[in-house]
Amino acid sequence: MAFGIGAGAKPWDMPAGIVKGKQIRAACECWCTSTGKIMPLMLKVQDEDGEIRTIREITVHSQEKKMYAGIPSIEYDCTLAVGEQSIRAWLIYYQTEGRWVLNFR
């Protein structure tokens, strides 16, 4: 699977009322355990200026399988270390599409 984020990617929003908050596309490097658990290791996101930012410090507090409009997903409640800040976010993996988004509530 390729690792990266498309040039010119814009913030992406789910249909109104399904997932609340600001969402942005993300590229995620993961570790898949022998039991099938997916563990995020690193993220790459595009900021407002179009620059690709790398986030290496991810603390996952919990993960939960969910369904959004019939689309299976895994939602990770996590804290991201971005510079001097710690940001609480939800990292969502849409399994059937193989797509990751960050949701800031």
PDB file of N, CA and C in Angstrom:
ATOM      1  N   MET A   1       0.846  -1.168   0.000  1.00  0.00           N
ATOM      2  CA  MET A   1       0.000   0.000   0.000  1.00  0.00           C
ATOM      3  C   MET A   1       0.893   1.233   0.000  1.00  0.00           C
ATOM      4  N   ALA A   2       0.584   2.205  -0.830  1.00  0.00           N
ATOM      5  CA  ALA A   2       1.374   3.428  -0.932  1.00  0.00           C
ATOM      6  C   ALA A   2       1.153   4.311   0.288  1.00  0.00           C
ATOM      7  N   PHE A   3       2.202   5.037   0.661  1.00  0.00           N
ATOM      8  CA  PHE A   3       2.112   5.964   1.784  1.00  0.00           C
ATOM      9  C   PHE A   3       2.280   7.363   1.247  1.00  0.00           C
ATOM     10  N   GLY A   4       1.316   8.200   1.486  1.00  0.00           N
ATOM     11  CA  GLY A   4       1.419   9.574   1.024  1.00  0.00           C
ATOM     12  C   GLY A   4       0.075  10.258   1.070  1.00  0.00           C
ATOM     13  N   ILE A   5       0.074  11.511   0.642  1.00  0.00           N
ATOM     14  CA  ILE A   5      -1.157  12.283   0.590  1.00  0.00           C
ATOM     15  C   ILE A   5      -1.146  13.019  -0.737  1.00  0.00           C
ATOM     16  N   GLY A   6      -2.275  13.026  -1.409  1.00  0.00           N
ATOM     17  CA  GLY A   6      -2.347  13.627  -2.729  1.00  0.00           C
ATOM     18  C   GLY A   6      -2.073  15.121  -2.717  1.00  0.00           C
ATOM     19  N   ALA A   7      -1.394  15.593  -3.729  1.00  0.00           N
ATOM     20  CA  ALA A   7      -1.125  17.032  -3.837  1.00  0.00           C
ATOM     21  C   ALA A   7      -2.445  17.757  -4.040  1.00  0.00           C
ATOM     22  N   GLY A   8      -2.607  18.867  -3.358  1.00  0.00           N
ATOM     23  CA  GLY A   8      -3.816  19.657  -3.491  1.00  0.00           C
ATOM     24  C   GLY A   8      -5.003  19.111  -2.732  1.00  0.00           C
ATOM     25  N   ALA A   9      -4.773  18.167  -1.815  1.00  0.00           N
ATOM     26  CA  ALA A   9      -5.881  17.614  -1.035  1.00  0.00           C
ATOM     27  C   ALA A   9      -6.513  18.704  -0.189  1.00  0.00           C
ATOM     28  N   LYS A  10      -7.821  18.696  -0.106  1.00  0.00           N
ATOM     29  CA  LYS A  10      -8.567  19.698   0.649  1.00  0.00           C
ATOM     30  C   LYS A  10      -9.249  19.021   1.838  1.00  0.00           C
ATOM     31  N   PRO A  11      -9.665  19.801   2.843  1.00  0.00           N
ATOM     32  CA  PRO A  11     -10.417  19.196   3.945  1.00  0.00           C
ATOM     33  C   PRO A  11     -11.629  18.448   3.401  1.00  0.00           C
ATOM     34  N   TRP A  12     -11.964  17.334   4.039  1.00  0.00           N
ATOM     35  CA  TRP A  12     -13.048  16.473   3.577  1.00  0.00           C
ATOM     36  C   TRP A  12     -14.094  16.385   4.663  1.00  0.00           C
ATOM     37  N   ASP A  13     -15.330  16.482   4.315  1.00  0.00           N
ATOM     38  CA  ASP A  13     -16.415  16.421   5.298  1.00  0.00           C
ATOM     39  C   ASP A  13     -17.354  15.285   4.968  1.00  0.00           C
ATOM     40  N   MET A  14     -17.762  14.551   5.994  1.00  0.00           N
ATOM     41  CA  MET A  14     -18.796  13.538   5.841  1.00  0.00           C
ATOM     42  C   MET A  14     -20.117  14.266   5.641  1.00  0.00           C
ATOM     43  N   PRO A  15     -21.157  13.586   5.159  1.00  0.00           N
ATOM     44  CA  PRO A  15     -22.468  14.218   5.057  1.00  0.00           C
ATOM     45  C   PRO A  15     -22.899  14.767   6.414  1.00  0.00           C
ATOM     46  N   ALA A  16     -23.616  15.871   6.397  1.00  0.00           N
ATOM     47  CA  ALA A  16     -24.034  16.549   7.630  1.00  0.00           C
ATOM     48  C   ALA A  16     -24.757  15.592   8.557  1.00  0.00           C
ATOM     49  N   GLY A  17     -24.429  15.684   9.840  1.00  0.00           N
ATOM     50  CA  GLY A  17     -25.107  14.892  10.860  1.00  0.00           C
ATOM     51  C   GLY A  17     -24.516  13.523  11.110  1.00  0.00           C
ATOM     52  N   ILE A  18     -23.573  13.070  10.297  1.00  0.00           N
ATOM     53  CA  ILE A  18     -23.008  11.733  10.505  1.00  0.00           C
ATOM     54  C   ILE A  18     -21.793  11.823  11.419  1.00  0.00           C
ATOM     55  N   VAL A  19     -20.793  12.564  11.038  1.00  0.00           N
ATOM     56  CA  VAL A  19     -19.610  12.767  11.875  1.00  0.00           C
ATOM     57  C   VAL A  19     -19.466  14.266  12.085  1.00  0.00           C
ATOM     58  N   LYS A  20     -19.441  14.685  13.324  1.00  0.00           N
ATOM     59  CA  LYS A  20     -19.351  16.110  13.611  1.00  0.00           C
ATOM     60  C   LYS A  20     -17.899  16.527  13.790  1.00  0.00           C
ATOM     61  N   GLY A  21     -17.622  17.805  13.511  1.00  0.00           N
ATOM     62  CA  GLY A  21     -16.292  18.349  13.706  1.00  0.00           C
ATOM     63  C   GLY A  21     -15.558  18.548  12.399  1.00  0.00           C
ATOM     64  N   LYS A  22     -14.397  19.180  12.502  1.00  0.00           N
ATOM     65  CA  LYS A  22     -13.557  19.439  11.333  1.00  0.00           C
ATOM     66  C   LYS A  22     -12.752  18.184  11.006  1.00  0.00           C
ATOM     67  N   GLN A  23     -12.814  17.760   9.759  1.00  0.00           N
ATOM     68  CA  GLN A  23     -12.066  16.583   9.332  1.00  0.00           C
ATOM     69  C   GLN A  23     -11.081  16.964   8.241  1.00  0.00           C
ATOM     70  N   ILE A  24      -9.913  16.342   8.298  1.00  0.00           N
ATOM     71  CA  ILE A  24      -8.938  16.499   7.223  1.00  0.00           C
ATOM     72  C   ILE A  24      -8.405  15.122   6.838  1.00  0.00           C
ATOM     73  N   ARG A  25      -8.069  14.983   5.577  1.00  0.00           N
ATOM     74  CA  ARG A  25      -7.496  13.723   5.094  1.00  0.00           C
ATOM     75  C   ARG A  25      -6.131  13.516   5.731  1.00  0.00           C
ATOM     76  N   ALA A  26      -5.786  12.275   5.931  1.00  0.00           N
ATOM     77  CA  ALA A  26      -4.493  11.952   6.533  1.00  0.00           C
ATOM     78  C   ALA A  26      -3.918  10.707   5.868  1.00  0.00           C
ATOM     79  N   ALA A  27      -2.599  10.661   5.821  1.00  0.00           N
ATOM     80  CA  ALA A  27      -1.886   9.445   5.442  1.00  0.00           C
ATOM     81  C   ALA A  27      -1.373   8.862   6.745  1.00  0.00           C
ATOM     82  N   CYS A  28      -1.511   7.560   6.916  1.00  0.00           N
ATOM     83  CA  CYS A  28      -1.153   6.944   8.193  1.00  0.00           C
ATOM     84  C   CYS A  28      -0.251   5.732   7.971  1.00  0.00           C
ATOM     85  N   GLU A  29       0.860   5.719   8.699  1.00  0.00           N
ATOM     86  CA  GLU A  29       1.731   4.548   8.722  1.00  0.00           C
ATOM     87  C   GLU A  29       1.294   3.725   9.928  1.00  0.00           C
ATOM     88  N   CYS A  30       1.068   2.432   9.717  1.00  0.00           N
ATOM     89  CA  CYS A  30       0.505   1.572  10.775  1.00  0.00           C
ATOM     90  C   CYS A  30       1.326   0.314  10.989  1.00  0.00           C
ATOM     91  N   TRP A  31       1.109  -0.257  12.146  1.00  0.00           N
ATOM     92  CA  TRP A  31       1.635  -1.575  12.470  1.00  0.00           C
ATOM     93  C   TRP A  31       0.425  -2.486  12.608  1.00  0.00           C
ATOM     94  N   CYS A  32       0.433  -3.604  11.913  1.00  0.00           N
ATOM     95  CA  CYS A  32      -0.645  -4.583  12.028  1.00  0.00           C
ATOM     96  C   CYS A  32      -0.111  -5.758  12.830  1.00  0.00           C
ATOM     97  N   THR A  33      -0.739  -6.022  13.970  1.00  0.00           N
ATOM     98  CA  THR A  33      -0.268  -7.090  14.843  1.00  0.00           C
ATOM     99  C   THR A  33      -0.672  -8.460  14.298  1.00  0.00           C
ATOM    100  N   SER A  34      -0.142  -9.495  14.902  1.00  0.00           N
ATOM    101  CA  SER A  34      -0.467 -10.860  14.470  1.00  0.00           C
ATOM    102  C   SER A  34      -1.918 -11.212  14.766  1.00  0.00           C
ATOM    103  N   THR A  35      -2.566 -10.453  15.640  1.00  0.00           N
ATOM    104  CA  THR A  35      -3.979 -10.694  15.969  1.00  0.00           C
ATOM    105  C   THR A  35      -4.916  -9.838  15.131  1.00  0.00           C
ATOM    106  N   GLY A  36      -4.373  -9.033  14.195  1.00  0.00           N
ATOM    107  CA  GLY A  36      -5.199  -8.231  13.307  1.00  0.00           C
ATOM    108  C   GLY A  36      -5.503  -6.832  13.812  1.00  0.00           C
ATOM    109  N   LYS A  37      -4.914  -6.432  14.917  1.00  0.00           N
ATOM    110  CA  LYS A  37      -5.130  -5.091  15.446  1.00  0.00           C
ATOM    111  C   LYS A  37      -4.259  -4.103  14.668  1.00  0.00           C
ATOM    112  N   ILE A  38      -4.837  -2.934  14.320  1.00  0.00           N
ATOM    113  CA  ILE A  38      -4.118  -1.900  13.589  1.00  0.00           C
ATOM    114  C   ILE A  38      -3.691  -0.824  14.573  1.00  0.00           C
ATOM    115  N   MET A  39      -2.395  -0.516  14.586  1.00  0.00           N
ATOM    116  CA  MET A  39      -1.860   0.479  15.513  1.00  0.00           C
ATOM    117  C   MET A  39      -1.208   1.612  14.720  1.00  0.00           C
ATOM    118  N   PRO A  40      -1.780   2.840  14.764  1.00  0.00           N
ATOM    119  CA  PRO A  40      -1.177   3.969  14.055  1.00  0.00           C
ATOM    120  C   PRO A  40       0.178   4.341  14.641  1.00  0.00           C
ATOM    121  N   LEU A  41       1.175   4.572  13.776  1.00  0.00           N
ATOM    122  CA  LEU A  41       2.516   4.943  14.209  1.00  0.00           C
ATOM    123  C   LEU A  41       2.877   6.381  13.844  1.00  0.00           C
ATOM    124  N   MET A  42       2.437   6.843  12.661  1.00  0.00           N
ATOM    125  CA  MET A  42       2.808   8.169  12.175  1.00  0.00           C
ATOM    126  C   MET A  42       1.719   8.674  11.231  1.00  0.00           C
ATOM    127  N   LEU A  43       1.513   9.991  11.239  1.00  0.00           N
ATOM    128  CA  LEU A  43       0.540  10.623  10.345  1.00  0.00           C
ATOM    129  C   LEU A  43       1.211  11.684   9.498  1.00  0.00           C
ATOM    130  N   LYS A  44       0.662  11.912   8.309  1.00  0.00           N
ATOM    131  CA  LYS A  44       1.040  13.044   7.484  1.00  0.00           C
ATOM    132  C   LYS A  44      -0.258  13.733   7.071  1.00  0.00           C
ATOM    133  N   VAL A  45      -0.299  15.054   7.302  1.00  0.00           N
ATOM    134  CA  VAL A  45      -1.472  15.844   6.951  1.00  0.00           C
ATOM    135  C   VAL A  45      -1.020  17.111   6.239  1.00  0.00           C
ATOM    136  N   GLN A  46      -1.926  17.669   5.444  1.00  0.00           N
ATOM    137  CA  GLN A  46      -1.622  18.910   4.742  1.00  0.00           C
ATOM    138  C   GLN A  46      -2.234  20.064   5.530  1.00  0.00           C
ATOM    139  N   ASP A  47      -1.417  21.081   5.853  1.00  0.00           N
ATOM    140  CA  ASP A  47      -1.921  22.216   6.623  1.00  0.00           C
ATOM    141  C   ASP A  47      -2.587  23.247   5.704  1.00  0.00           C
ATOM    142  N   GLU A  48      -3.060  24.343   6.296  1.00  0.00           N
ATOM    143  CA  GLU A  48      -3.785  25.375   5.548  1.00  0.00           C
ATOM    144  C   GLU A  48      -2.929  26.027   4.467  1.00  0.00           C
ATOM    145  N   ASP A  49      -1.613  26.019   4.653  1.00  0.00           N
ATOM    146  CA  ASP A  49      -0.699  26.617   3.681  1.00  0.00           C
ATOM    147  C   ASP A  49      -0.295  25.636   2.581  1.00  0.00           C
ATOM    148  N   GLY A  50      -0.820  24.419   2.633  1.00  0.00           N
ATOM    149  CA  GLY A  50      -0.499  23.416   1.630  1.00  0.00           C
ATOM    150  C   GLY A  50       0.751  22.619   1.933  1.00  0.00           C
ATOM    151  N   GLU A  51       1.348  22.845   3.096  1.00  0.00           N
ATOM    152  CA  GLU A  51       2.563  22.138   3.479  1.00  0.00           C
ATOM    153  C   GLU A  51       2.206  20.807   4.156  1.00  0.00           C
ATOM    154  N   ILE A  52       2.977  19.762   3.856  1.00  0.00           N
ATOM    155  CA  ILE A  52       2.761  18.454   4.460  1.00  0.00           C
ATOM    156  C   ILE A  52       3.455  18.426   5.819  1.00  0.00           C
ATOM    157  N   ARG A  53       2.695  18.103   6.855  1.00  0.00           N
ATOM    158  CA  ARG A  53       3.215  18.018   8.226  1.00  0.00           C
ATOM    159  C   ARG A  53       3.247  16.565   8.663  1.00  0.00           C
ATOM    160  N   THR A  54       4.299  16.196   9.379  1.00  0.00           N
ATOM    161  CA  THR A  54       4.455  14.839   9.897  1.00  0.00           C
ATOM    162  C   THR A  54       4.224  14.853  11.401  1.00  0.00           C
ATOM    163  N   ILE A  55       3.390  13.926  11.865  1.00  0.00           N
ATOM    164  CA  ILE A  55       3.106  13.781  13.295  1.00  0.00           C
ATOM    165  C   ILE A  55       3.562  12.386  13.701  1.00  0.00           C
ATOM    166  N   ARG A  56       4.591  12.331  14.540  1.00  0.00           N
ATOM    167  CA  ARG A  56       5.162  11.041  14.939  1.00  0.00           C
ATOM    168  C   ARG A  56       4.738  10.599  16.338  1.00  0.00           C
ATOM    169  N   GLU A  57       4.348  11.531  17.171  1.00  0.00           N
ATOM    170  CA  GLU A  57       3.959  11.175  18.538  1.00  0.00           C
ATOM    171  C   GLU A  57       2.443  11.061  18.624  1.00  0.00           C
ATOM    172  N   ILE A  58       1.964   9.817  18.652  1.00  0.00           N
ATOM    173  CA  ILE A  58       0.535   9.526  18.723  1.00  0.00           C
ATOM    174  C   ILE A  58       0.295   8.651  19.944  1.00  0.00           C
ATOM    175  N   THR A  59      -0.559   9.110  20.840  1.00  0.00           N
ATOM    176  CA  THR A  59      -0.957   8.307  21.993  1.00  0.00           C
ATOM    177  C   THR A  59      -2.403   7.887  21.789  1.00  0.00           C
ATOM    178  N   VAL A  60      -2.643   6.593  21.612  1.00  0.00           N
ATOM    179  CA  VAL A  60      -4.005   6.088  21.421  1.00  0.00           C
ATOM    180  C   VAL A  60      -4.581   5.730  22.784  1.00  0.00           C
ATOM    181  N   HIS A  61      -5.715   6.367  23.123  1.00  0.00           N
ATOM    182  CA  HIS A  61      -6.380   6.104  24.398  1.00  0.00           C
ATOM    183  C   HIS A  61      -7.347   4.933  24.281  1.00  0.00           C
ATOM    184  N   SER A  62      -8.034   4.847  23.150  1.00  0.00           N
ATOM    185  CA  SER A  62      -8.974   3.748  22.924  1.00  0.00           C
ATOM    186  C   SER A  62      -9.261   3.641  21.433  1.00  0.00           C
ATOM    187  N   GLN A  63      -9.827   2.516  21.052  1.00  0.00           N
ATOM    188  CA  GLN A  63     -10.268   2.337  19.674  1.00  0.00           C
ATOM    189  C   GLN A  63     -11.591   1.602  19.698  1.00  0.00           C
ATOM    190  N   GLU A  64     -12.424   1.922  18.704  1.00  0.00           N
ATOM    191  CA  GLU A  64     -13.764   1.342  18.668  1.00  0.00           C
ATOM    192  C   GLU A  64     -14.195   1.151  17.215  1.00  0.00           C
ATOM    193  N   LYS A  65     -14.780  -0.009  16.921  1.00  0.00           N
ATOM    194  CA  LYS A  65     -15.333  -0.247  15.591  1.00  0.00           C
ATOM    195  C   LYS A  65     -16.694   0.416  15.529  1.00  0.00           C
ATOM    196  N   LYS A  66     -16.942   1.139  14.427  1.00  0.00           N
ATOM    197  CA  LYS A  66     -18.205   1.860  14.261  1.00  0.00           C
ATOM    198  C   LYS A  66     -18.706   1.712  12.834  1.00  0.00           C
ATOM    199  N   MET A  67     -19.955   2.134  12.637  1.00  0.00           N
ATOM    200  CA  MET A  67     -20.561   2.178  11.306  1.00  0.00           C
ATOM    201  C   MET A  67     -21.075   3.589  11.085  1.00  0.00           C
ATOM    202  N   TYR A  68     -20.651   4.241   9.997  1.00  0.00           N
ATOM    203  CA  TYR A  68     -21.148   5.551   9.604  1.00  0.00           C
ATOM    204  C   TYR A  68     -21.890   5.384   8.282  1.00  0.00           C
ATOM    205  N   ALA A  69     -23.197   5.535   8.314  1.00  0.00           N
ATOM    206  CA  ALA A  69     -24.033   5.383   7.116  1.00  0.00           C
ATOM    207  C   ALA A  69     -23.751   4.038   6.422  1.00  0.00           C
ATOM    208  N   GLY A  70     -23.595   2.989   7.220  1.00  0.00           N
ATOM    209  CA  GLY A  70     -23.348   1.656   6.688  1.00  0.00           C
ATOM    210  C   GLY A  70     -21.915   1.394   6.274  1.00  0.00           C
ATOM    211  N   ILE A  71     -21.025   2.347   6.522  1.00  0.00           N
ATOM    212  CA  ILE A  71     -19.611   2.188   6.158  1.00  0.00           C
ATOM    213  C   ILE A  71     -18.838   1.791   7.409  1.00  0.00           C
ATOM    214  N   PRO A  72     -18.203   0.597   7.420  1.00  0.00           N
ATOM    215  CA  PRO A  72     -17.456   0.176   8.607  1.00  0.00           C
ATOM    216  C   PRO A  72     -16.201   1.014   8.798  1.00  0.00           C
ATOM    217  N   SER A  73     -15.921   1.341  10.047  1.00  0.00           N
ATOM    218  CA  SER A  73     -14.743   2.146  10.349  1.00  0.00           C
ATOM    219  C   SER A  73     -14.194   1.770  11.715  1.00  0.00           C
ATOM    220  N   ILE A  74     -12.965   2.194  11.953  1.00  0.00           N
ATOM    221  CA  ILE A  74     -12.344   2.062  13.269  1.00  0.00           C
ATOM    222  C   ILE A  74     -11.998   3.474  13.706  1.00  0.00           C
ATOM    223  N   GLU A  75     -12.475   3.852  14.889  1.00  0.00           N
ATOM    224  CA  GLU A  75     -12.234   5.196  15.405  1.00  0.00           C
ATOM    225  C   GLU A  75     -11.258   5.119  16.573  1.00  0.00           C
ATOM    226  N   TYR A  76     -10.175   5.885  16.465  1.00  0.00           N
ATOM    227  CA  TYR A  76      -9.139   5.921  17.490  1.00  0.00           C
ATOM    228  C   TYR A  76      -9.239   7.253  18.232  1.00  0.00           C
ATOM    229  N   ASP A  77      -9.432   7.201  19.528  1.00  0.00           N
ATOM    230  CA  ASP A  77      -9.395   8.392  20.378  1.00  0.00           C
ATOM    231  C   ASP A  77      -7.931   8.569  20.756  1.00  0.00           C
ATOM    232  N   CYS A  78      -7.328   9.688  20.332  1.00  0.00           N
ATOM    233  CA  CYS A  78      -5.898   9.831  20.555  1.00  0.00           C
ATOM    234  C   CYS A  78      -5.482  11.267  20.852  1.00  0.00           C
ATOM    235  N   THR A  79      -4.267  11.394  21.353  1.00  0.00           N
ATOM    236  CA  THR A  79      -3.636  12.686  21.571  1.00  0.00           C
ATOM    237  C   THR A  79      -2.424  12.755  20.652  1.00  0.00           C
ATOM    238  N   LEU A  80      -2.315  13.870  19.922  1.00  0.00           N
ATOM    239  CA  LEU A  80      -1.222  14.071  18.987  1.00  0.00           C
ATOM    240  C   LEU A  80      -0.296  15.152  19.526  1.00  0.00           C
ATOM    241  N   ALA A  81       0.995  14.915  19.469  1.00  0.00           N
ATOM    242  CA  ALA A  81       1.976  15.926  19.865  1.00  0.00           C
ATOM    243  C   ALA A  81       2.381  16.671  18.599  1.00  0.00           C
ATOM    244  N   VAL A  82       1.961  17.948  18.520  1.00  0.00           N
ATOM    245  CA  VAL A  82       2.257  18.782  17.364  1.00  0.00           C
ATOM    246  C   VAL A  82       3.051  19.978  17.871  1.00  0.00           C
ATOM    247  N   GLY A  83       4.348  19.959  17.632  1.00  0.00           N
ATOM    248  CA  GLY A  83       5.212  21.015  18.173  1.00  0.00           C
ATOM    249  C   GLY A  83       5.199  20.955  19.691  1.00  0.00           C
ATOM    250  N   GLU A  84       4.851  22.066  20.312  1.00  0.00           N
ATOM    251  CA  GLU A  84       4.775  22.147  21.782  1.00  0.00           C
ATOM    252  C   GLU A  84       3.386  21.796  22.305  1.00  0.00           C
ATOM    253  N   GLN A  85       2.412  21.568  21.401  1.00  0.00           N
ATOM    254  CA  GLN A  85       1.032  21.338  21.799  1.00  0.00           C
ATOM    255  C   GLN A  85       0.667  19.863  21.809  1.00  0.00           C
ATOM    256  N   SER A  86      -0.284  19.537  22.680  1.00  0.00           N
ATOM    257  CA  SER A  86      -0.939  18.229  22.658  1.00  0.00           C
ATOM    258  C   SER A  86      -2.366  18.466  22.204  1.00  0.00           C
ATOM    259  N   ILE A  87      -2.768  17.791  21.135  1.00  0.00           N
ATOM    260  CA  ILE A  87      -4.089  17.992  20.558  1.00  0.00           C
ATOM    261  C   ILE A  87      -4.878  16.693  20.640  1.00  0.00           C
ATOM    262  N   ARG A  88      -6.085  16.767  21.208  1.00  0.00           N
ATOM    263  CA  ARG A  88      -6.973  15.603  21.274  1.00  0.00           C
ATOM    264  C   ARG A  88      -7.715  15.506  19.952  1.00  0.00           C
ATOM    265  N   ALA A  89      -7.692  14.337  19.342  1.00  0.00           N
ATOM    266  CA  ALA A  89      -8.338  14.144  18.044  1.00  0.00           C
ATOM    267  C   ALA A  89      -8.847  12.718  17.929  1.00  0.00           C
ATOM    268  N   TRP A  90      -9.674  12.498  16.934  1.00  0.00           N
ATOM    269  CA  TRP A  90     -10.157  11.172  16.615  1.00  0.00           C
ATOM    270  C   TRP A  90      -9.649  10.834  15.232  1.00  0.00           C
ATOM    271  N   LEU A  91      -8.907   9.753  15.147  1.00  0.00           N
ATOM    272  CA  LEU A  91      -8.377   9.263  13.891  1.00  0.00           C
ATOM    273  C   LEU A  91      -9.323   8.165  13.426  1.00  0.00           C
ATOM    274  N   ILE A  92      -9.869   8.330  12.227  1.00  0.00           N
ATOM    275  CA  ILE A  92     -10.870   7.385  11.732  1.00  0.00           C
ATOM    276  C   ILE A  92     -10.348   6.703  10.477  1.00  0.00           C
ATOM    277  N   TYR A  93     -10.428   5.370  10.484  1.00  0.00           N
ATOM    278  CA  TYR A  93     -10.028   4.574   9.329  1.00  0.00           C
ATOM    279  C   TYR A  93     -11.278   3.955   8.715  1.00  0.00           C
ATOM    280  N   TYR A  94     -11.590   4.334   7.472  1.00  0.00           N
ATOM    281  CA  TYR A  94     -12.718   3.768   6.738  1.00  0.00           C
ATOM    282  C   TYR A  94     -12.206   2.538   6.003  1.00  0.00           C
ATOM    283  N   GLN A  95     -12.556   1.374   6.525  1.00  0.00           N
ATOM    284  CA  GLN A  95     -11.976   0.112   6.080  1.00  0.00           C
ATOM    285  C   GLN A  95     -12.238  -0.220   4.620  1.00  0.00           C
ATOM    286  N   THR A  96     -13.462  -0.049   4.149  1.00  0.00           N
ATOM    287  CA  THR A  96     -13.770  -0.446   2.774  1.00  0.00           C
ATOM    288  C   THR A  96     -13.105   0.463   1.755  1.00  0.00           C
ATOM    289  N   GLU A  97     -12.800   1.705   2.152  1.00  0.00           N
ATOM    290  CA  GLU A  97     -12.172   2.652   1.242  1.00  0.00           C
ATOM    291  C   GLU A  97     -10.665   2.743   1.451  1.00  0.00           C
ATOM    292  N   GLY A  98     -10.165   2.183   2.563  1.00  0.00           N
ATOM    293  CA  GLY A  98      -8.743   2.267   2.872  1.00  0.00           C
ATOM    294  C   GLY A  98      -8.301   3.708   3.062  1.00  0.00           C
ATOM    295  N   ARG A  99      -9.141   4.507   3.729  1.00  0.00           N
ATOM    296  CA  ARG A  99      -8.914   5.947   3.846  1.00  0.00           C
ATOM    297  C   ARG A  99      -8.908   6.365   5.304  1.00  0.00           C
ATOM    298  N   TRP A 100      -8.012   7.300   5.656  1.00  0.00           N
ATOM    299  CA  TRP A 100      -7.876   7.831   6.998  1.00  0.00           C
ATOM    300  C   TRP A 100      -8.270   9.300   7.025  1.00  0.00           C
ATOM    301  N   VAL A 101      -8.924   9.733   8.107  1.00  0.00           N
ATOM    302  CA  VAL A 101      -9.207  11.150   8.332  1.00  0.00           C
ATOM    303  C   VAL A 101      -8.954  11.455   9.804  1.00  0.00           C
ATOM    304  N   LEU A 102      -8.594  12.699  10.069  1.00  0.00           N
ATOM    305  CA  LEU A 102      -8.470  13.207  11.437  1.00  0.00           C
ATOM    306  C   LEU A 102      -9.692  14.062  11.701  1.00  0.00           C
ATOM    307  N   ASN A 103     -10.304  13.884  12.864  1.00  0.00           N
ATOM    308  CA  ASN A 103     -11.478  14.639  13.243  1.00  0.00           C
ATOM    309  C   ASN A 103     -11.164  15.407  14.521  1.00  0.00           C
ATOM    310  N   PHE A 104     -11.266  16.722  14.430  1.00  0.00           N
ATOM    311  CA  PHE A 104     -11.054  17.585  15.601  1.00  0.00           C
ATOM    312  C   PHE A 104     -12.415  18.068  16.048  1.00  0.00           C
ATOM    313  N   ARG A 105     -12.803  17.759  17.285  1.00  0.00           N
ATOM    314  CA  ARG A 105     -14.132  18.144  17.753  1.00  0.00           C
ATOM    315  C   ARG A 105     -14.084  19.337  18.635  1.00  0.00           C
TER     316      ARG A 105
END
